[in-house]
Protein backbone atom coordinates (compact mmCIF):
# COMPACT_ATOMS: atom_id res chain seq x y z
CA MET A 1 206.90 150.81 147.08
CA LYS A 2 207.95 147.61 148.44
CA VAL A 3 205.62 147.92 151.66
CA LEU A 4 202.56 148.68 149.42
CA LYS A 5 203.25 145.26 147.93
CA LYS A 6 203.46 143.61 151.03
CA LEU A 7 200.38 144.90 152.15
CA GLU A 8 198.74 143.83 148.92
CA ALA A 9 199.76 140.32 149.65
CA LEU A 10 198.63 140.56 153.15
CA CYS A 11 195.00 142.10 152.42
CA SER A 12 194.63 139.41 149.65
CA LYS A 13 195.31 136.54 152.49
CA ASN A 14 193.10 138.16 155.21
CA GLU A 15 190.44 140.96 155.56
CA LYS A 16 191.87 144.07 156.70
CA CYS A 17 190.23 147.37 157.22
CA GLU A 18 191.37 150.80 156.24
CA SER A 19 192.71 151.96 159.37
CA TYR A 20 194.94 148.88 159.66
CA ALA A 21 196.28 149.26 156.08
CA PHE A 22 197.04 153.13 157.04
CA LYS A 23 198.74 152.37 160.38
CA TYR A 24 200.77 149.44 158.53
CA MET A 25 202.06 151.82 156.05
CA THR A 26 202.95 154.46 158.66
CA ASP A 27 204.70 152.20 160.71
CA ARG A 28 206.92 151.14 158.14
CA GLY A 29 208.22 154.58 157.04
CA ALA A 30 205.49 155.95 154.79
CA ASP A 31 204.29 159.57 155.41
CA GLU A 32 200.67 160.22 156.05
CA LYS A 33 200.21 161.39 152.58
CA GLU A 34 201.56 158.45 151.07
CA ALA A 35 199.76 155.97 153.28
CA ALA A 36 196.49 157.65 152.54
CA LEU A 37 197.36 157.30 148.66
CA ALA A 38 198.29 153.69 149.41
CA VAL A 39 194.75 153.06 151.11
CA GLU A 40 192.70 154.58 148.40
CA TYR A 41 194.57 152.29 146.04
CA LEU A 42 194.03 149.28 148.01
CA VAL A 43 190.21 150.28 148.27
CA GLU A 44 189.90 151.07 144.45
CA ASN A 45 191.24 147.51 143.77
CA GLY A 46 189.17 145.71 146.14
CA PHE A 47 192.06 144.67 148.46
CA VAL A 48 190.75 146.56 151.41
CA ASP A 49 186.87 146.66 152.02
CA ASN A 50 185.47 147.92 155.44
CA LYS A 51 182.00 146.42 155.00
CA ARG A 52 183.37 143.27 154.17
CA TYR A 53 185.96 143.26 156.99
CA ALA A 54 183.24 144.25 159.43
CA GLY A 55 181.27 141.35 158.34
CA ALA A 56 183.82 139.04 158.79
CA PHE A 57 185.19 140.31 161.91
CA ALA A 58 181.64 140.13 163.36
CA MET A 59 181.04 136.41 162.36
CA ASP A 60 184.75 135.52 163.78
CA LYS A 61 184.19 137.33 167.06
CA PHE A 62 180.64 135.66 167.56
CA ARG A 63 181.79 132.31 166.65
CA PHE A 64 185.04 131.79 168.15
CA ASN A 65 185.23 134.48 170.76
CA LYS A 66 181.51 134.18 171.65
CA TRP A 67 181.05 137.87 171.74
CA GLY A 68 177.84 139.84 171.80
CA LYS A 69 176.71 142.52 169.57
CA ARG A 70 177.91 145.53 172.04
CA ARG A 71 181.34 144.25 172.16
CA ILE A 72 181.90 143.53 168.32
CA GLU A 73 180.41 146.93 168.00
CA SER A 74 182.88 148.68 170.14
CA GLU A 75 185.84 147.00 168.68
CA LEU A 76 184.69 147.89 165.20
CA LYS A 77 184.21 151.66 166.25
CA MET A 78 187.85 151.47 167.74
CA LYS A 79 189.11 150.34 164.14
CA LYS A 80 187.29 153.28 162.48
CA ILE A 81 184.54 151.42 160.61
CA SER A 82 181.54 153.31 159.80
CA LYS A 83 178.24 153.10 161.49
CA GLU A 84 176.49 151.81 158.23
CA ASP A 85 179.22 149.01 158.02
CA ILE A 86 178.98 148.09 161.47
CA ALA A 87 174.83 147.91 161.40
CA SER A 88 175.33 145.63 158.36
CA ALA A 89 177.76 143.49 159.92
CA LEU A 90 175.47 143.11 163.12
CA GLU A 91 172.23 142.34 160.90
CA ILE A 92 173.97 139.00 159.73
CA GLU A 93 171.30 136.38 160.30
CA GLU A 94 173.45 133.96 162.36
CA ILE A 95 174.19 136.73 164.79
CA SER A 96 170.94 138.43 165.29
CA LEU A 97 169.10 134.85 165.79
CA GLY A 98 172.02 133.06 167.70
CA GLU A 99 172.88 135.56 170.31
CA GLU A 100 170.63 134.67 173.06
CA ASP A 101 171.38 130.85 172.60
CA LEU A 102 174.95 131.61 172.56
CA ILE A 103 174.98 133.52 175.80
CA ALA A 104 172.63 131.14 177.50
CA GLY A 105 175.11 128.26 176.91
CA GLU A 106 178.03 130.33 178.01
CA LEU A 107 176.29 131.40 181.26
CA LYS A 108 175.71 127.53 181.96
CA LYS A 109 179.26 126.84 181.39
CA LYS A 110 180.17 129.53 183.81
CA LEU A 111 177.84 128.86 186.48
CA ARG A 112 179.56 125.28 186.94
CA SER A 113 182.65 127.16 187.93
CA LEU A 114 180.61 128.98 190.52
CA LYS A 115 178.99 126.44 192.20
CA ASN A 116 180.35 126.94 195.73
CA SER A 117 179.45 130.59 196.17
CA PRO A 118 176.33 132.59 197.39
CA VAL A 119 173.58 133.15 195.01
CA GLU A 120 173.95 136.96 195.20
CA LYS A 121 177.67 136.67 194.29
CA ILE A 122 176.85 134.25 191.53
CA LYS A 123 174.15 136.43 189.94
CA GLU A 124 176.82 139.42 190.22
CA LYS A 125 179.77 137.04 188.48
CA LEU A 126 177.41 136.07 185.77
CA LEU A 127 176.28 139.36 185.01
CA ARG A 128 179.89 141.01 184.88
CA PHE A 129 180.70 138.06 182.67
CA SER A 130 178.00 138.55 180.42
CA LEU A 131 178.04 142.30 180.05
CA GLY A 132 182.09 141.87 179.50
CA ARG A 133 181.14 139.83 176.44
CA GLY A 134 179.12 142.32 175.17
CA TYR A 135 175.43 141.07 175.56
CA ALA A 136 172.44 143.13 176.52
CA TYR A 137 171.75 143.99 180.13
CA GLN A 138 168.16 143.04 180.24
CA THR A 139 168.79 139.82 178.10
CA SER A 140 171.71 138.78 180.45
CA LYS A 141 169.71 139.50 183.55
CA THR A 142 166.70 137.39 182.31
CA LEU A 143 168.59 134.60 181.34
CA ILE A 144 170.69 134.62 184.59
CA ASP A 145 167.54 134.66 186.45
CA ASN A 146 166.03 131.85 184.38
CA LEU A 147 169.14 129.91 184.84
CA LEU A 148 169.33 130.30 188.68
CA ARG A 149 165.74 129.29 189.21
CA GLU A 150 166.22 126.00 187.28
CA ASN A 151 169.10 125.02 189.41
């Protein structure tokens, strides 16, 4: 199976999840049974590991895209990652401890671009921005209120 060898090489370079591997195989002509067997083989041989993938995905999206836990969780669910693996990925210390600081910094940056708007519009836009990034409503609201009080 030429496609399986390509997928092995791809999975050894980058973390991939089971659903990606399955889709990769079926998109390249394998039937569902062959694809399922290929995914099973990849899991057994350590090429694919959903828990490892979820942790790497969460860290990348947190660090580089500045996403919050809710957005990361939602994206992982769409990739058919188990609840246990998602929970484990979101418990990574850097994400757990750094989320509030990260969103505070992002809100400050966003506020600079909204200076010439009425306060209620600014609040609304900052809240929409924060929720779109996947941060909790109450945390976002508190940070926005504190930020607007400072300015």
